[in-house]
Amino acid sequence: MLKKNISLVITALACFFAVSCVSFRRPKISRTLADHGIKSAEQLTDFFMANNPEADPEYILEFAQIYIEEASAEGINSDCAFVQMCHETGFLTFGNLVTAEMHNYCGLGAINEEQRGEVFENERLGIRAHIQHLHAYATTEDKVLANECIDRRYKYVNPRGKSKTIEGLAGTWAADRQYSIKLENLIRRLEMF
C-alpha cells in the first residue's frame, strides 16, 4: 500500500511539474508586421522600464496603451511597432536628428540636419503616423487605413506591402542592413516579459 501511495505521489508530482513547465513558457512574439501583438501595456512598460529605468512608468504605461490601440485599429503588430520605437528613439532618450518634442517615434523623414524629420502635435498622432507607415510596408493597396492618414510619407512606400516581417525592414525602412537583427534582439528581450 505504501509503495502504491508513493508511486501515486511521484506520478502526481511529475504531472504537476510537466504542466508547470508548459505554463511557464512565454508565448513567442510574431515577427509579422500585419499581425496581432500579444503583450499587454503592462508587459511593454516592464520591458521599457528595464531598459530605461529613469522614465516615468505611468507615462510609459499610457504610451504603451496608445501603441496597442493604434496598432489594433490598423491591423499592425503592436509588439513589433513598440520595439521599433524603442530602437529608433533609444527608449525615448532620442539624441539624434529627432527630438522628443517632435513626437516622431520612428524617424519618419529624418535624413540630415536640413531634413530632421516629421513633426506631430502629440504622442497619439506621432504613434498613429508610425503605425500607418508600418501599415504601408506590411499591407497591399487593397488594405485601407481605418483612421485618416496623417503619415505624409505613406504614399511614398512603393511597392506597398514590401516588408511583411521585421526582416524586410532592413535596407528598406532603414539603410542599415543589420536593422532587422537589432529589432530581433529587442523582440527576444521583450519575450522575457
N, C-alpha and C. Protein backbone atom coordinates (compact mmCIF):
# COMPACT_ATOMS: atom_id res chain seq x y z
N MET A 1 0.83 -1.19 0.00
CA MET A 1 0.00 0.00 0.00
C MET A 1 0.87 1.25 0.00
N LEU A 2 1.93 1.23 0.82
CA LEU A 2 2.84 2.38 0.90
C LEU A 2 3.53 2.62 -0.44
N LYS A 3 3.96 1.52 -1.09
CA LYS A 3 4.59 1.65 -2.40
C LYS A 3 3.63 2.26 -3.41
N LYS A 4 2.37 1.85 -3.35
CA LYS A 4 1.35 2.37 -4.28
C LYS A 4 1.14 3.86 -4.04
N ASN A 5 1.06 4.27 -2.76
CA ASN A 5 0.88 5.68 -2.43
C ASN A 5 2.08 6.53 -2.88
N ILE A 6 3.27 6.01 -2.65
CA ILE A 6 4.48 6.72 -3.09
C ILE A 6 4.48 6.85 -4.60
N SER A 7 4.09 5.80 -5.28
CA SER A 7 4.02 5.82 -6.73
C SER A 7 3.01 6.86 -7.22
N LEU A 8 1.87 6.96 -6.57
CA LEU A 8 0.86 7.95 -6.93
C LEU A 8 1.36 9.38 -6.68
N VAL A 9 2.06 9.57 -5.57
CA VAL A 9 2.61 10.90 -5.26
C VAL A 9 3.66 11.29 -6.30
N ILE A 10 4.53 10.35 -6.65
CA ILE A 10 5.55 10.63 -7.66
C ILE A 10 4.90 10.96 -9.00
N THR A 11 3.89 10.21 -9.38
CA THR A 11 3.18 10.47 -10.64
C THR A 11 2.51 11.84 -10.61
N ALA A 12 1.88 12.17 -9.49
CA ALA A 12 1.22 13.48 -9.35
C ALA A 12 2.23 14.61 -9.44
N LEU A 13 3.37 14.45 -8.77
CA LEU A 13 4.41 15.48 -8.83
C LEU A 13 4.97 15.63 -10.24
N ALA A 14 5.17 14.52 -10.92
CA ALA A 14 5.68 14.58 -12.30
C ALA A 14 4.70 15.32 -13.20
N CYS A 15 3.41 15.02 -13.04
CA CYS A 15 2.39 15.72 -13.84
C CYS A 15 2.37 17.21 -13.50
N PHE A 16 2.46 17.52 -12.20
CA PHE A 16 2.47 18.93 -11.79
C PHE A 16 3.63 19.68 -12.42
N PHE A 17 4.82 19.10 -12.35
CA PHE A 17 6.00 19.77 -12.92
C PHE A 17 5.93 19.87 -14.44
N ALA A 18 5.39 18.86 -15.08
CA ALA A 18 5.26 18.91 -16.54
C ALA A 18 4.30 20.03 -16.95
N VAL A 19 3.17 20.12 -16.27
CA VAL A 19 2.19 21.18 -16.56
C VAL A 19 2.77 22.55 -16.21
N SER A 20 3.47 22.62 -15.08
CA SER A 20 4.06 23.89 -14.66
C SER A 20 5.07 24.40 -15.66
N CYS A 21 5.89 23.49 -16.17
CA CYS A 21 6.91 23.91 -17.15
C CYS A 21 6.25 24.43 -18.42
N VAL A 22 5.19 23.77 -18.85
CA VAL A 22 4.49 24.23 -20.04
C VAL A 22 3.86 25.60 -19.79
N SER A 23 3.27 25.81 -18.63
CA SER A 23 2.59 27.07 -18.36
C SER A 23 3.57 28.23 -18.16
N PHE A 24 4.82 27.93 -17.84
CA PHE A 24 5.81 28.99 -17.64
C PHE A 24 6.48 29.41 -18.95
N ARG A 25 6.25 28.67 -20.02
CA ARG A 25 6.80 29.08 -21.31
C ARG A 25 6.11 30.36 -21.75
N ARG A 26 6.88 31.27 -22.23
CA ARG A 26 6.31 32.53 -22.70
C ARG A 26 5.97 32.39 -24.18
N PRO A 27 4.82 32.90 -24.57
CA PRO A 27 4.45 32.81 -25.99
C PRO A 27 5.44 33.59 -26.87
N LYS A 28 5.67 33.07 -28.04
CA LYS A 28 6.58 33.69 -28.98
C LYS A 28 5.86 34.84 -29.69
N ILE A 29 6.55 35.97 -29.80
CA ILE A 29 6.01 37.15 -30.48
C ILE A 29 6.13 36.94 -31.99
N SER A 30 5.07 37.24 -32.70
CA SER A 30 5.11 37.16 -34.15
C SER A 30 6.01 38.25 -34.71
N ARG A 31 6.77 37.93 -35.73
CA ARG A 31 7.62 38.90 -36.42
C ARG A 31 6.91 39.48 -37.65
N THR A 32 5.67 39.04 -37.87
CA THR A 32 4.86 39.54 -38.98
C THR A 32 4.27 40.89 -38.60
N LEU A 33 4.45 41.87 -39.46
CA LEU A 33 4.01 43.24 -39.14
C LEU A 33 2.49 43.38 -39.13
N ALA A 34 1.80 42.71 -40.04
CA ALA A 34 0.34 42.79 -40.09
C ALA A 34 -0.24 41.61 -39.30
N ASP A 35 0.02 41.63 -38.01
CA ASP A 35 -0.41 40.57 -37.11
C ASP A 35 -0.83 41.23 -35.81
N HIS A 36 -1.27 40.44 -34.87
CA HIS A 36 -1.68 40.97 -33.56
C HIS A 36 -0.51 40.88 -32.58
N GLY A 37 -0.33 41.93 -31.81
CA GLY A 37 0.63 41.88 -30.71
C GLY A 37 0.03 41.06 -29.58
N ILE A 38 0.89 40.49 -28.76
CA ILE A 38 0.40 39.65 -27.65
C ILE A 38 0.72 40.26 -26.29
N LYS A 39 1.57 41.26 -26.25
CA LYS A 39 1.98 41.83 -24.97
C LYS A 39 0.99 42.91 -24.53
N SER A 40 0.73 42.93 -23.24
CA SER A 40 -0.15 43.95 -22.66
C SER A 40 0.62 45.25 -22.47
N ALA A 41 -0.09 46.30 -22.19
CA ALA A 41 0.56 47.59 -21.90
C ALA A 41 1.48 47.45 -20.70
N GLU A 42 1.08 46.66 -19.72
CA GLU A 42 1.90 46.45 -18.53
C GLU A 42 3.21 45.73 -18.88
N GLN A 43 3.13 44.72 -19.74
CA GLN A 43 4.33 43.99 -20.14
C GLN A 43 5.26 44.87 -20.97
N LEU A 44 4.69 45.66 -21.88
CA LEU A 44 5.51 46.59 -22.67
C LEU A 44 6.18 47.60 -21.75
N THR A 45 5.46 48.06 -20.74
CA THR A 45 6.02 49.01 -19.78
C THR A 45 7.15 48.38 -18.98
N ASP A 46 6.96 47.17 -18.52
CA ASP A 46 8.01 46.49 -17.77
C ASP A 46 9.27 46.34 -18.61
N PHE A 47 9.10 45.95 -19.87
CA PHE A 47 10.23 45.84 -20.80
C PHE A 47 10.92 47.20 -20.96
N PHE A 48 10.13 48.23 -21.19
CA PHE A 48 10.68 49.56 -21.38
C PHE A 48 11.45 50.01 -20.15
N MET A 49 10.85 49.87 -18.98
CA MET A 49 11.47 50.33 -17.73
C MET A 49 12.76 49.57 -17.41
N ALA A 50 12.83 48.31 -17.83
CA ALA A 50 14.06 47.54 -17.63
C ALA A 50 15.21 48.11 -18.46
N ASN A 51 14.86 48.82 -19.53
CA ASN A 51 15.87 49.39 -20.42
C ASN A 51 16.07 50.89 -20.22
N ASN A 52 15.12 51.54 -19.59
CA ASN A 52 15.24 52.97 -19.26
C ASN A 52 14.56 53.22 -17.92
N PRO A 53 15.23 52.86 -16.83
CA PRO A 53 14.61 52.99 -15.50
C PRO A 53 14.37 54.44 -15.06
N GLU A 54 14.90 55.39 -15.79
CA GLU A 54 14.71 56.81 -15.46
C GLU A 54 13.35 57.33 -15.95
N ALA A 55 12.69 56.59 -16.81
CA ALA A 55 11.41 57.04 -17.38
C ALA A 55 10.30 56.97 -16.31
N ASP A 56 9.24 57.72 -16.56
CA ASP A 56 8.07 57.73 -15.69
C ASP A 56 7.18 56.52 -16.05
N PRO A 57 7.04 55.54 -15.18
CA PRO A 57 6.29 54.33 -15.53
C PRO A 57 4.82 54.59 -15.86
N GLU A 58 4.19 55.58 -15.22
CA GLU A 58 2.79 55.89 -15.54
C GLU A 58 2.66 56.44 -16.96
N TYR A 59 3.60 57.30 -17.34
CA TYR A 59 3.60 57.85 -18.70
C TYR A 59 3.83 56.73 -19.71
N ILE A 60 4.78 55.85 -19.43
CA ILE A 60 5.09 54.76 -20.36
C ILE A 60 3.91 53.80 -20.48
N LEU A 61 3.21 53.55 -19.40
CA LEU A 61 2.03 52.69 -19.45
C LEU A 61 0.97 53.28 -20.39
N GLU A 62 0.71 54.57 -20.28
CA GLU A 62 -0.24 55.23 -21.18
C GLU A 62 0.27 55.20 -22.62
N PHE A 63 1.54 55.44 -22.78
CA PHE A 63 2.19 55.44 -24.10
C PHE A 63 2.06 54.06 -24.75
N ALA A 64 2.34 53.01 -23.98
CA ALA A 64 2.22 51.64 -24.49
C ALA A 64 0.78 51.32 -24.86
N GLN A 65 -0.17 51.80 -24.07
CA GLN A 65 -1.58 51.56 -24.37
C GLN A 65 -1.98 52.22 -25.70
N ILE A 66 -1.45 53.39 -25.96
CA ILE A 66 -1.73 54.06 -27.24
C ILE A 66 -1.18 53.22 -28.39
N TYR A 67 0.02 52.67 -28.22
CA TYR A 67 0.58 51.80 -29.27
C TYR A 67 -0.34 50.62 -29.54
N ILE A 68 -0.85 50.01 -28.49
CA ILE A 68 -1.74 48.86 -28.65
C ILE A 68 -3.03 49.29 -29.37
N GLU A 69 -3.62 50.40 -28.96
CA GLU A 69 -4.86 50.87 -29.57
C GLU A 69 -4.69 51.23 -31.04
N GLU A 70 -3.66 52.00 -31.34
CA GLU A 70 -3.44 52.44 -32.72
C GLU A 70 -3.08 51.26 -33.63
N ALA A 71 -2.26 50.34 -33.13
CA ALA A 71 -1.89 49.17 -33.92
C ALA A 71 -3.10 48.28 -34.16
N SER A 72 -3.92 48.10 -33.15
CA SER A 72 -5.12 47.28 -33.29
C SER A 72 -6.06 47.87 -34.34
N ALA A 73 -6.21 49.18 -34.34
CA ALA A 73 -7.10 49.83 -35.31
C ALA A 73 -6.67 49.57 -36.75
N GLU A 74 -5.35 49.48 -36.97
CA GLU A 74 -4.84 49.33 -38.34
C GLU A 74 -4.38 47.92 -38.67
N GLY A 75 -4.55 46.98 -37.74
CA GLY A 75 -4.16 45.60 -38.00
C GLY A 75 -2.64 45.41 -38.04
N ILE A 76 -1.93 46.15 -37.20
CA ILE A 76 -0.47 46.08 -37.15
C ILE A 76 -0.04 45.49 -35.81
N ASN A 77 1.05 44.77 -35.82
CA ASN A 77 1.59 44.11 -34.64
C ASN A 77 2.15 45.16 -33.67
N SER A 78 1.46 45.36 -32.56
CA SER A 78 1.88 46.37 -31.58
C SER A 78 3.22 46.04 -30.94
N ASP A 79 3.53 44.76 -30.80
CA ASP A 79 4.81 44.38 -30.21
C ASP A 79 5.97 44.81 -31.10
N CYS A 80 5.86 44.54 -32.39
CA CYS A 80 6.91 44.94 -33.34
C CYS A 80 7.02 46.46 -33.41
N ALA A 81 5.89 47.15 -33.44
CA ALA A 81 5.91 48.61 -33.52
C ALA A 81 6.54 49.21 -32.27
N PHE A 82 6.20 48.70 -31.10
CA PHE A 82 6.74 49.23 -29.85
C PHE A 82 8.25 49.01 -29.79
N VAL A 83 8.69 47.83 -30.17
CA VAL A 83 10.12 47.52 -30.19
C VAL A 83 10.85 48.44 -31.17
N GLN A 84 10.24 48.68 -32.32
CA GLN A 84 10.86 49.57 -33.30
C GLN A 84 10.99 50.98 -32.72
N MET A 85 9.97 51.45 -32.03
CA MET A 85 10.04 52.76 -31.38
C MET A 85 11.18 52.79 -30.37
N CYS A 86 11.30 51.74 -29.58
CA CYS A 86 12.39 51.67 -28.58
C CYS A 86 13.75 51.78 -29.26
N HIS A 87 13.90 51.08 -30.36
CA HIS A 87 15.17 51.13 -31.10
C HIS A 87 15.41 52.52 -31.69
N GLU A 88 14.41 53.04 -32.37
CA GLU A 88 14.57 54.32 -33.08
C GLU A 88 14.82 55.50 -32.14
N THR A 89 14.24 55.46 -30.95
CA THR A 89 14.37 56.59 -30.02
C THR A 89 15.35 56.33 -28.89
N GLY A 90 15.96 55.16 -28.85
CA GLY A 90 16.81 54.83 -27.71
C GLY A 90 16.01 54.80 -26.42
N PHE A 91 14.85 54.14 -26.48
CA PHE A 91 13.92 54.08 -25.34
C PHE A 91 13.55 55.49 -24.88
N LEU A 92 13.16 56.30 -25.85
CA LEU A 92 12.69 57.68 -25.66
C LEU A 92 13.76 58.61 -25.08
N THR A 93 15.02 58.29 -25.30
CA THR A 93 16.09 59.21 -24.91
C THR A 93 16.50 60.09 -26.09
N PHE A 94 16.12 59.66 -27.30
CA PHE A 94 16.40 60.38 -28.55
C PHE A 94 17.90 60.61 -28.70
N GLY A 95 18.35 61.79 -29.09
CA GLY A 95 19.78 62.03 -29.20
C GLY A 95 20.32 62.17 -30.61
N ASN A 96 19.52 61.92 -31.63
CA ASN A 96 19.99 62.10 -33.00
C ASN A 96 19.25 63.29 -33.63
N LEU A 97 18.77 63.13 -34.83
CA LEU A 97 18.08 64.22 -35.52
C LEU A 97 16.73 64.53 -34.90
N VAL A 98 16.04 63.52 -34.45
CA VAL A 98 14.68 63.66 -33.92
C VAL A 98 14.75 63.95 -32.42
N THR A 99 13.89 64.86 -31.96
CA THR A 99 13.82 65.20 -30.54
C THR A 99 12.45 64.80 -29.99
N ALA A 100 12.34 64.76 -28.68
CA ALA A 100 11.10 64.34 -28.02
C ALA A 100 9.90 65.20 -28.43
N GLU A 101 10.13 66.50 -28.58
CA GLU A 101 9.04 67.43 -28.90
C GLU A 101 8.44 67.18 -30.28
N MET A 102 9.13 66.46 -31.12
CA MET A 102 8.65 66.18 -32.48
C MET A 102 7.58 65.09 -32.50
N HIS A 103 7.51 64.27 -31.44
CA HIS A 103 6.58 63.14 -31.37
C HIS A 103 6.70 62.25 -32.61
N ASN A 104 7.92 62.08 -33.06
CA ASN A 104 8.23 61.24 -34.22
C ASN A 104 8.98 60.04 -33.66
N TYR A 105 8.28 58.91 -33.53
CA TYR A 105 8.82 57.77 -32.81
C TYR A 105 9.46 56.71 -33.69
N CYS A 106 9.58 57.02 -34.98
CA CYS A 106 10.20 56.02 -35.87
C CYS A 106 11.12 56.65 -36.89
N GLY A 107 11.48 57.90 -36.70
CA GLY A 107 12.41 58.56 -37.61
C GLY A 107 11.82 58.92 -38.96
N LEU A 108 10.51 59.10 -39.03
CA LEU A 108 9.86 59.43 -40.30
C LEU A 108 10.47 60.71 -40.90
N GLY A 109 11.03 60.57 -42.08
CA GLY A 109 11.57 61.73 -42.79
C GLY A 109 12.87 62.28 -42.25
N ALA A 110 13.46 61.62 -41.26
CA ALA A 110 14.72 62.10 -40.69
C ALA A 110 15.88 61.65 -41.58
N ILE A 111 16.48 62.63 -42.27
CA ILE A 111 17.54 62.32 -43.23
C ILE A 111 18.86 62.98 -42.86
N ASN A 112 18.80 64.28 -42.55
CA ASN A 112 20.01 65.03 -42.22
C ASN A 112 19.62 66.28 -41.45
N GLU A 113 20.58 67.15 -41.15
CA GLU A 113 20.30 68.37 -40.37
C GLU A 113 19.26 69.27 -41.03
N GLU A 114 19.22 69.28 -42.35
CA GLU A 114 18.23 70.09 -43.06
C GLU A 114 16.86 69.42 -43.09
N GLN A 115 16.83 68.11 -43.02
CA GLN A 115 15.58 67.35 -43.02
C GLN A 115 15.59 66.46 -41.77
N ARG A 116 15.22 67.08 -40.64
CA ARG A 116 15.30 66.41 -39.35
C ARG A 116 14.16 65.42 -39.12
N GLY A 117 13.12 65.49 -39.93
CA GLY A 117 12.02 64.54 -39.79
C GLY A 117 10.68 65.21 -39.58
N GLU A 118 9.66 64.40 -39.65
CA GLU A 118 8.28 64.86 -39.48
C GLU A 118 8.02 65.26 -38.03
N VAL A 119 7.08 66.18 -37.85
CA VAL A 119 6.70 66.65 -36.52
C VAL A 119 5.19 66.42 -36.36
N PHE A 120 4.80 65.91 -35.20
CA PHE A 120 3.39 65.64 -34.91
C PHE A 120 2.99 66.36 -33.64
N GLU A 121 1.72 66.70 -33.55
CA GLU A 121 1.20 67.54 -32.48
C GLU A 121 1.29 66.93 -31.09
N ASN A 122 1.11 65.60 -31.01
CA ASN A 122 1.12 64.94 -29.71
C ASN A 122 1.53 63.48 -29.85
N GLU A 123 1.58 62.79 -28.73
CA GLU A 123 2.01 61.39 -28.73
C GLU A 123 1.13 60.52 -29.60
N ARG A 124 -0.19 60.64 -29.42
CA ARG A 124 -1.09 59.77 -30.19
C ARG A 124 -0.91 59.93 -31.69
N LEU A 125 -0.81 61.17 -32.15
CA LEU A 125 -0.65 61.37 -33.59
C LEU A 125 0.70 60.89 -34.09
N GLY A 126 1.73 61.04 -33.28
CA GLY A 126 3.04 60.51 -33.65
C GLY A 126 3.03 59.00 -33.73
N ILE A 127 2.37 58.36 -32.78
CA ILE A 127 2.26 56.91 -32.79
C ILE A 127 1.39 56.47 -33.97
N ARG A 128 0.31 57.19 -34.24
CA ARG A 128 -0.56 56.85 -35.37
C ARG A 128 0.22 56.90 -36.68
N ALA A 129 1.04 57.93 -36.86
CA ALA A 129 1.83 58.04 -38.09
C ALA A 129 2.80 56.87 -38.21
N HIS A 130 3.41 56.48 -37.10
CA HIS A 130 4.32 55.33 -37.10
C HIS A 130 3.57 54.07 -37.54
N ILE A 131 2.43 53.82 -36.92
CA ILE A 131 1.63 52.63 -37.25
C ILE A 131 1.19 52.67 -38.71
N GLN A 132 0.77 53.83 -39.17
CA GLN A 132 0.34 53.96 -40.57
C GLN A 132 1.49 53.69 -41.54
N HIS A 133 2.69 54.11 -41.18
CA HIS A 133 3.83 53.85 -42.06
C HIS A 133 4.13 52.35 -42.09
N LEU A 134 4.04 51.70 -40.94
CA LEU A 134 4.20 50.24 -40.92
C LEU A 134 3.11 49.57 -41.75
N HIS A 135 1.92 50.13 -41.70
CA HIS A 135 0.80 49.60 -42.50
C HIS A 135 1.14 49.63 -43.99
N ALA A 136 1.74 50.71 -44.44
CA ALA A 136 2.13 50.81 -45.85
C ALA A 136 3.17 49.76 -46.22
N TYR A 137 4.08 49.48 -45.32
CA TYR A 137 5.11 48.48 -45.56
C TYR A 137 4.56 47.05 -45.51
N ALA A 138 3.57 46.83 -44.65
CA ALA A 138 3.13 45.47 -44.36
C ALA A 138 1.93 45.00 -45.16
N THR A 139 1.17 45.93 -45.77
CA THR A 139 -0.07 45.53 -46.43
C THR A 139 -0.09 45.99 -47.88
N THR A 140 -0.96 45.38 -48.64
CA THR A 140 -1.11 45.76 -50.04
C THR A 140 -2.14 46.88 -50.16
N GLU A 141 -2.24 47.42 -51.35
CA GLU A 141 -3.10 48.58 -51.58
C GLU A 141 -4.58 48.34 -51.30
N ASP A 142 -5.02 47.08 -51.31
CA ASP A 142 -6.44 46.82 -51.04
C ASP A 142 -6.77 46.94 -49.55
N LYS A 143 -5.77 47.05 -48.70
CA LYS A 143 -5.99 47.25 -47.26
C LYS A 143 -5.96 48.74 -46.97
N VAL A 144 -7.12 49.30 -46.69
CA VAL A 144 -7.20 50.74 -46.44
C VAL A 144 -7.05 51.03 -44.95
N LEU A 145 -6.62 52.23 -44.65
CA LEU A 145 -6.44 52.65 -43.26
C LEU A 145 -7.79 52.85 -42.57
N ALA A 146 -7.84 52.53 -41.30
CA ALA A 146 -9.04 52.73 -40.50
C ALA A 146 -9.19 54.21 -40.12
N ASN A 147 -8.07 54.86 -39.84
CA ASN A 147 -8.07 56.27 -39.46
C ASN A 147 -7.62 57.14 -40.63
N GLU A 148 -7.96 58.40 -40.58
CA GLU A 148 -7.49 59.33 -41.60
C GLU A 148 -5.96 59.30 -41.64
N CYS A 149 -5.41 59.29 -42.84
CA CYS A 149 -3.96 59.21 -43.00
C CYS A 149 -3.30 60.53 -42.59
N ILE A 150 -2.44 60.44 -41.56
CA ILE A 150 -1.67 61.62 -41.15
C ILE A 150 -0.19 61.43 -41.45
N ASP A 151 0.18 60.25 -41.91
CA ASP A 151 1.56 59.97 -42.31
C ASP A 151 1.77 60.55 -43.71
N ARG A 152 2.43 61.68 -43.78
CA ARG A 152 2.66 62.34 -45.07
C ARG A 152 3.56 61.52 -45.99
N ARG A 153 4.25 60.54 -45.47
CA ARG A 153 5.15 59.72 -46.27
C ARG A 153 4.52 58.38 -46.68
N TYR A 154 3.30 58.14 -46.26
CA TYR A 154 2.59 56.89 -46.55
C TYR A 154 2.56 56.62 -48.06
N LYS A 155 2.26 57.64 -48.83
CA LYS A 155 2.11 57.49 -50.28
C LYS A 155 3.42 57.16 -51.00
N TYR A 156 4.54 57.38 -50.32
CA TYR A 156 5.83 57.13 -50.96
C TYR A 156 6.31 55.69 -50.81
N VAL A 157 5.62 54.90 -50.02
CA VAL A 157 6.02 53.50 -49.86
C VAL A 157 5.56 52.75 -51.11
N ASN A 158 6.55 52.35 -51.90
CA ASN A 158 6.26 51.73 -53.18
C ASN A 158 7.29 50.64 -53.44
N PRO A 159 6.88 49.41 -53.66
CA PRO A 159 5.50 48.96 -53.67
C PRO A 159 4.97 48.79 -52.24
N ARG A 160 3.66 48.91 -52.13
CA ARG A 160 3.01 48.63 -50.85
C ARG A 160 3.21 47.16 -50.52
N GLY A 161 3.34 46.88 -49.24
CA GLY A 161 3.48 45.50 -48.79
C GLY A 161 4.87 44.92 -49.01
N LYS A 162 5.88 45.76 -49.13
CA LYS A 162 7.22 45.24 -49.43
C LYS A 162 7.92 44.62 -48.24
N SER A 163 7.39 44.79 -47.05
CA SER A 163 8.01 44.20 -45.85
C SER A 163 6.93 43.57 -44.99
N LYS A 164 6.70 42.31 -45.17
CA LYS A 164 5.68 41.61 -44.39
C LYS A 164 6.15 41.33 -42.97
N THR A 165 7.47 41.25 -42.77
CA THR A 165 8.03 40.93 -41.45
C THR A 165 9.10 41.96 -41.09
N ILE A 166 9.59 41.87 -39.86
CA ILE A 166 10.65 42.80 -39.45
C ILE A 166 11.90 42.60 -40.29
N GLU A 167 12.11 41.39 -40.77
CA GLU A 167 13.30 41.12 -41.59
C GLU A 167 13.33 41.99 -42.84
N GLY A 168 12.17 42.24 -43.41
CA GLY A 168 12.08 43.04 -44.63
C GLY A 168 12.34 44.52 -44.42
N LEU A 169 12.45 44.98 -43.18
CA LEU A 169 12.68 46.40 -42.90
C LEU A 169 14.15 46.79 -43.10
N ALA A 170 15.05 45.81 -43.06
CA ALA A 170 16.48 46.09 -43.27
C ALA A 170 16.70 46.43 -44.74
N GLY A 171 17.27 47.60 -44.98
CA GLY A 171 17.54 48.04 -46.34
C GLY A 171 16.34 48.70 -47.02
N THR A 172 15.20 48.72 -46.35
CA THR A 172 14.02 49.39 -46.91
C THR A 172 13.59 50.52 -45.99
N TRP A 173 13.17 50.19 -44.79
CA TRP A 173 12.82 51.22 -43.80
C TRP A 173 14.08 51.98 -43.41
N ALA A 174 15.11 51.23 -43.15
CA ALA A 174 16.41 51.80 -42.76
C ALA A 174 17.48 51.26 -43.70
N ALA A 175 18.45 52.09 -44.02
CA ALA A 175 19.55 51.67 -44.88
C ALA A 175 20.42 50.61 -44.21
N ASP A 176 20.40 50.58 -42.90
CA ASP A 176 21.21 49.65 -42.11
C ASP A 176 20.81 48.21 -42.42
N ARG A 177 21.73 47.43 -42.97
CA ARG A 177 21.46 46.03 -43.31
C ARG A 177 21.32 45.16 -42.06
N GLN A 178 21.74 45.66 -40.90
CA GLN A 178 21.62 44.94 -39.64
C GLN A 178 20.36 45.35 -38.86
N TYR A 179 19.55 46.21 -39.47
CA TYR A 179 18.37 46.77 -38.80
C TYR A 179 17.45 45.69 -38.23
N SER A 180 17.13 44.70 -39.03
CA SER A 180 16.20 43.66 -38.57
C SER A 180 16.83 42.81 -37.48
N ILE A 181 18.13 42.64 -37.50
CA ILE A 181 18.81 41.89 -36.44
C ILE A 181 18.69 42.65 -35.12
N LYS A 182 18.82 43.96 -35.18
CA LYS A 182 18.68 44.79 -33.97
C LYS A 182 17.25 44.71 -33.42
N LEU A 183 16.26 44.74 -34.32
CA LEU A 183 14.87 44.60 -33.88
C LEU A 183 14.62 43.20 -33.32
N GLU A 184 15.16 42.20 -33.97
CA GLU A 184 15.01 40.82 -33.50
C GLU A 184 15.56 40.66 -32.09
N ASN A 185 16.71 41.23 -31.83
CA ASN A 185 17.30 41.14 -30.49
C ASN A 185 16.40 41.79 -29.44
N LEU A 186 15.78 42.91 -29.78
CA LEU A 186 14.87 43.56 -28.85
C LEU A 186 13.60 42.72 -28.64
N ILE A 187 13.09 42.13 -29.71
CA ILE A 187 11.90 41.29 -29.58
C ILE A 187 12.18 40.09 -28.68
N ARG A 188 13.34 39.51 -28.82
CA ARG A 188 13.70 38.37 -27.95
C ARG A 188 13.75 38.80 -26.49
N ARG A 189 14.24 39.99 -26.25
CA ARG A 189 14.25 40.51 -24.87
C ARG A 189 12.84 40.77 -24.38
N LEU A 190 11.97 41.31 -25.26
CA LEU A 190 10.57 41.56 -24.88
C LEU A 190 9.86 40.25 -24.55
N GLU A 191 10.21 39.18 -25.24
CA GLU A 191 9.55 37.89 -24.99
C GLU A 191 9.76 37.40 -23.56
N MET A 192 10.74 37.93 -22.87
CA MET A 192 11.01 37.52 -21.50
C MET A 192 10.07 38.19 -20.49
N PHE A 193 9.28 39.15 -20.95
CA PHE A 193 8.38 39.88 -20.04
C PHE A 193 6.95 39.40 -20.17
